[in-house]
């Protein structure tokens, strides 16, 4: 529960930013909402490093600034391709391996690729991403190495710390029914 204070502060700040209310009744209802959300998160066992990465806010802000620069550069490249008289667009689908060790790191990397104009993450399977790109020359897997390193360094726990366990709510999945017939819902 070491991430609990950060989660409470972030939820309270979000509530206040969205509501802007300062009347005592609304503040009390907001506090109850935050406490209910934290209780529910604790009950589902999803409070952890991936759920509240607020202790790495500096790295996240640096990453956002760097990513905005990458998005701007990619925007200019796509505009150049679209407006060029040759329109030499050559789409490609490539497999990109990520070094991210946590779900948060993989999600940050996949979403960063999708936010960059001209590329879309189509599928994520363990540490392998399927990426569709507008240009074959910019779609080589090595083209994403810098973004992968930066996203991994931003979101993953430092080396030496264990990989966070993925919290799954509900019972474990079971196989097909013994009789081979579909179960009625």
Protein backbone atom coordinates (compact mmCIF):
# COMPACT_ATOMS: atom_id res chain seq x y z
CA UNK A 1 0.00 0.00 0.00
CA UNK A 2 2.95 2.35 -0.45
CA UNK A 3 1.29 3.84 -3.53
CA UNK A 4 -1.92 4.73 -1.69
CA UNK A 5 -1.05 8.37 -0.78
CA UNK A 6 -0.16 9.19 -4.39
CA UNK A 7 -3.36 7.62 -5.65
CA UNK A 8 -5.48 9.52 -3.12
CA UNK A 9 -3.78 12.83 -3.96
CA UNK A 10 -4.13 12.27 -7.71
CA UNK A 11 -7.80 11.32 -7.48
CA UNK A 12 -8.54 14.30 -5.23
CA UNK A 13 -6.73 16.66 -7.58
CA UNK A 14 -8.57 15.20 -10.58
CA UNK A 15 -11.92 15.53 -8.81
CA UNK A 16 -11.24 19.15 -7.92
CA UNK A 17 -9.95 19.99 -11.43
CA UNK A 18 -13.05 18.52 -13.03
CA UNK A 19 -15.62 19.87 -10.58
CA UNK A 20 -14.11 23.13 -9.34
CA UNK A 21 -16.56 23.04 -6.44
CA UNK A 22 -15.58 24.40 -3.01
CA UNK A 23 -18.92 24.18 -1.21
CA UNK A 24 -18.62 21.93 1.86
CA UNK A 25 -21.26 19.47 0.68
CA UNK A 26 -19.53 18.98 -2.69
CA UNK A 27 -16.09 18.64 -1.08
CA UNK A 28 -17.53 15.99 1.28
CA UNK A 29 -19.10 14.12 -1.66
CA UNK A 30 -15.80 14.37 -3.54
CA UNK A 31 -13.92 12.96 -0.55
CA UNK A 32 -16.41 10.09 -0.34
CA UNK A 33 -15.98 9.44 -4.06
CA UNK A 34 -12.19 9.34 -3.72
CA UNK A 35 -12.38 7.03 -0.71
CA UNK A 36 -14.82 4.73 -2.51
CA UNK A 37 -12.56 4.57 -5.58
CA UNK A 38 -9.51 3.80 -3.41
CA UNK A 39 -11.43 1.16 -1.43
CA UNK A 40 -12.63 -0.46 -4.66
CA UNK A 41 -9.11 -0.42 -6.11
CA UNK A 42 -7.74 -2.01 -2.94
CA UNK A 43 -10.49 -4.61 -2.94
CA UNK A 44 -9.67 -5.51 -6.56
CA UNK A 45 -5.96 -5.54 -5.65
CA UNK A 46 -4.99 -3.16 -8.44
CA UNK A 47 -3.19 -0.57 -6.34
CA UNK A 48 0.46 -0.81 -7.23
CA UNK A 49 3.23 0.68 -9.29
CA UNK A 50 1.34 0.41 -12.59
CA UNK A 51 -1.87 1.88 -11.13
CA UNK A 52 -0.22 4.88 -9.50
CA UNK A 53 3.14 5.82 -11.05
CA UNK A 54 3.10 9.27 -9.44
CA UNK A 55 6.49 8.75 -7.82
CA UNK A 56 8.00 8.95 -11.33
CA UNK A 57 6.24 12.16 -12.34
CA UNK A 58 9.48 13.90 -13.36
CA UNK A 59 10.38 11.09 -15.78
CA UNK A 60 6.83 11.07 -17.16
CA UNK A 61 6.91 14.83 -17.77
CA UNK A 62 10.29 14.58 -19.51
CA UNK A 63 8.93 11.74 -21.62
CA UNK A 64 5.86 13.77 -22.60
CA UNK A 65 8.04 16.70 -23.70
CA UNK A 66 10.29 14.37 -25.73
CA UNK A 67 7.25 12.61 -27.25
CA UNK A 68 5.69 15.95 -28.27
CA UNK A 69 8.90 16.71 -30.18
CA UNK A 70 8.73 13.31 -31.90
CA UNK A 71 5.06 13.86 -32.77
CA UNK A 72 5.89 17.27 -34.26
CA UNK A 73 8.70 15.81 -36.39
CA UNK A 74 6.46 12.96 -37.57
CA UNK A 75 3.66 15.41 -38.39
CA UNK A 76 5.99 17.40 -40.62
CA UNK A 77 7.19 14.21 -42.35
CA UNK A 78 3.64 12.99 -43.00
CA UNK A 79 2.55 16.40 -44.27
CA UNK A 80 5.54 16.39 -46.62
CA UNK A 81 4.64 12.92 -47.95
CA UNK A 82 0.97 13.80 -48.44
CA UNK A 83 1.66 17.12 -50.16
CA UNK A 84 4.54 15.91 -52.34
CA UNK A 85 3.74 15.55 -56.02
CA UNK A 86 5.07 11.95 -56.09
CA UNK A 87 3.04 10.66 -53.13
CA UNK A 88 5.50 7.85 -52.53
CA UNK A 89 3.58 6.19 -49.72
CA UNK A 90 4.66 2.58 -49.14
CA UNK A 91 2.82 1.11 -46.12
CA UNK A 92 4.27 -1.77 -44.12
CA UNK A 93 3.40 -3.94 -41.14
CA UNK A 94 6.37 -4.80 -38.92
CA UNK A 95 6.95 -6.68 -35.70
CA UNK A 96 8.71 -4.65 -33.01
CA UNK A 97 10.16 -6.25 -29.87
CA UNK A 98 9.98 -4.16 -26.71
CA UNK A 99 12.28 -4.25 -23.71
CA UNK A 100 9.54 -3.01 -21.37
CA UNK A 101 9.14 -5.32 -18.37
CA UNK A 102 5.81 -4.03 -17.05
CA UNK A 103 2.33 -3.65 -18.50
CA UNK A 104 2.64 0.10 -17.98
CA UNK A 105 5.89 0.20 -19.97
CA UNK A 106 4.41 -1.81 -22.86
CA UNK A 107 1.25 0.32 -22.87
CA UNK A 108 3.28 3.55 -22.81
CA UNK A 109 5.44 2.35 -25.71
CA UNK A 110 2.48 1.07 -27.79
CA UNK A 111 0.46 4.25 -27.25
CA UNK A 112 3.47 6.43 -28.04
CA UNK A 113 3.84 4.66 -31.39
CA UNK A 114 0.14 5.20 -32.08
CA UNK A 115 0.32 8.90 -31.13
CA UNK A 116 3.14 9.41 -33.61
CA UNK A 117 1.62 10.29 -37.00
CA UNK A 118 2.22 7.69 -39.69
CA UNK A 119 2.34 4.73 -37.28
CA UNK A 120 -0.29 2.68 -35.47
CA UNK A 121 0.18 -0.17 -33.01
CA UNK A 122 -2.18 -2.85 -34.26
CA UNK A 123 -1.53 -5.61 -31.71
CA UNK A 124 0.46 -6.26 -28.54
CA UNK A 125 1.35 -9.85 -27.66
CA UNK A 126 3.69 -10.13 -24.66
CA UNK A 127 6.82 -8.22 -25.73
CA UNK A 128 6.03 -8.16 -29.46
CA UNK A 129 4.12 -5.28 -31.08
CA UNK A 130 2.62 -5.27 -34.56
CA UNK A 131 3.05 -1.79 -36.00
CA UNK A 132 1.53 -0.46 -39.22
CA UNK A 133 3.51 2.38 -40.75
CA UNK A 134 2.86 4.70 -43.64
CA UNK A 135 6.43 4.38 -44.91
CA UNK A 136 8.41 1.14 -45.16
CA UNK A 137 11.70 3.02 -44.67
CA UNK A 138 10.57 4.43 -41.32
CA UNK A 139 9.02 1.12 -40.24
CA UNK A 140 12.17 -0.91 -39.69
CA UNK A 141 12.15 -2.32 -36.15
CA UNK A 142 15.33 -0.46 -35.17
CA UNK A 143 13.55 2.85 -35.81
CA UNK A 144 11.60 2.39 -32.57
CA UNK A 145 14.56 1.49 -30.32
CA UNK A 146 15.03 4.97 -28.87
CA UNK A 147 11.32 5.32 -28.05
CA UNK A 148 11.32 1.84 -26.50
CA UNK A 149 14.33 2.62 -24.30
CA UNK A 150 12.86 5.93 -23.17
CA UNK A 151 9.39 4.43 -22.47
CA UNK A 152 10.94 1.49 -20.58
CA UNK A 153 13.16 3.74 -18.50
CA UNK A 154 10.18 5.98 -17.71
CA UNK A 155 7.63 3.33 -16.76
CA UNK A 156 9.48 0.23 -15.59
CA UNK A 157 10.84 -0.32 -12.10
CA UNK A 158 14.60 0.19 -11.76
CA UNK A 159 16.81 -2.82 -12.50
CA UNK A 160 17.08 -5.15 -9.55
CA UNK A 161 13.46 -4.68 -8.49
CA UNK A 162 11.09 -7.51 -9.39
CA UNK A 163 8.65 -7.12 -12.23
CA UNK A 164 5.25 -6.09 -10.87
CA UNK A 165 2.67 -8.86 -10.96
CA UNK A 166 -0.30 -8.20 -13.18
CA UNK A 167 -3.40 -7.99 -11.04
CA UNK A 168 -6.31 -9.86 -12.47
CA UNK A 169 -9.74 -9.64 -10.94
CA UNK A 170 -11.95 -12.66 -10.85
CA UNK A 171 -11.39 -16.39 -10.85
CA UNK A 172 -8.81 -18.07 -13.09
CA UNK A 173 -9.96 -18.97 -16.55
CA UNK A 174 -11.15 -22.52 -17.04
CA UNK A 175 -11.02 -24.67 -20.13
CA UNK A 176 -13.93 -25.77 -22.31
CA UNK A 177 -16.77 -27.79 -20.76
CA UNK A 178 -16.14 -31.53 -20.43
CA UNK A 179 -19.12 -32.56 -22.58
CA UNK A 180 -18.03 -30.47 -25.55
CA UNK A 181 -21.30 -28.53 -25.50
CA UNK A 182 -21.45 -24.79 -24.97
CA UNK A 183 -22.67 -23.72 -21.57
CA UNK A 184 -25.84 -21.66 -21.38
CA UNK A 185 -25.48 -18.17 -20.00
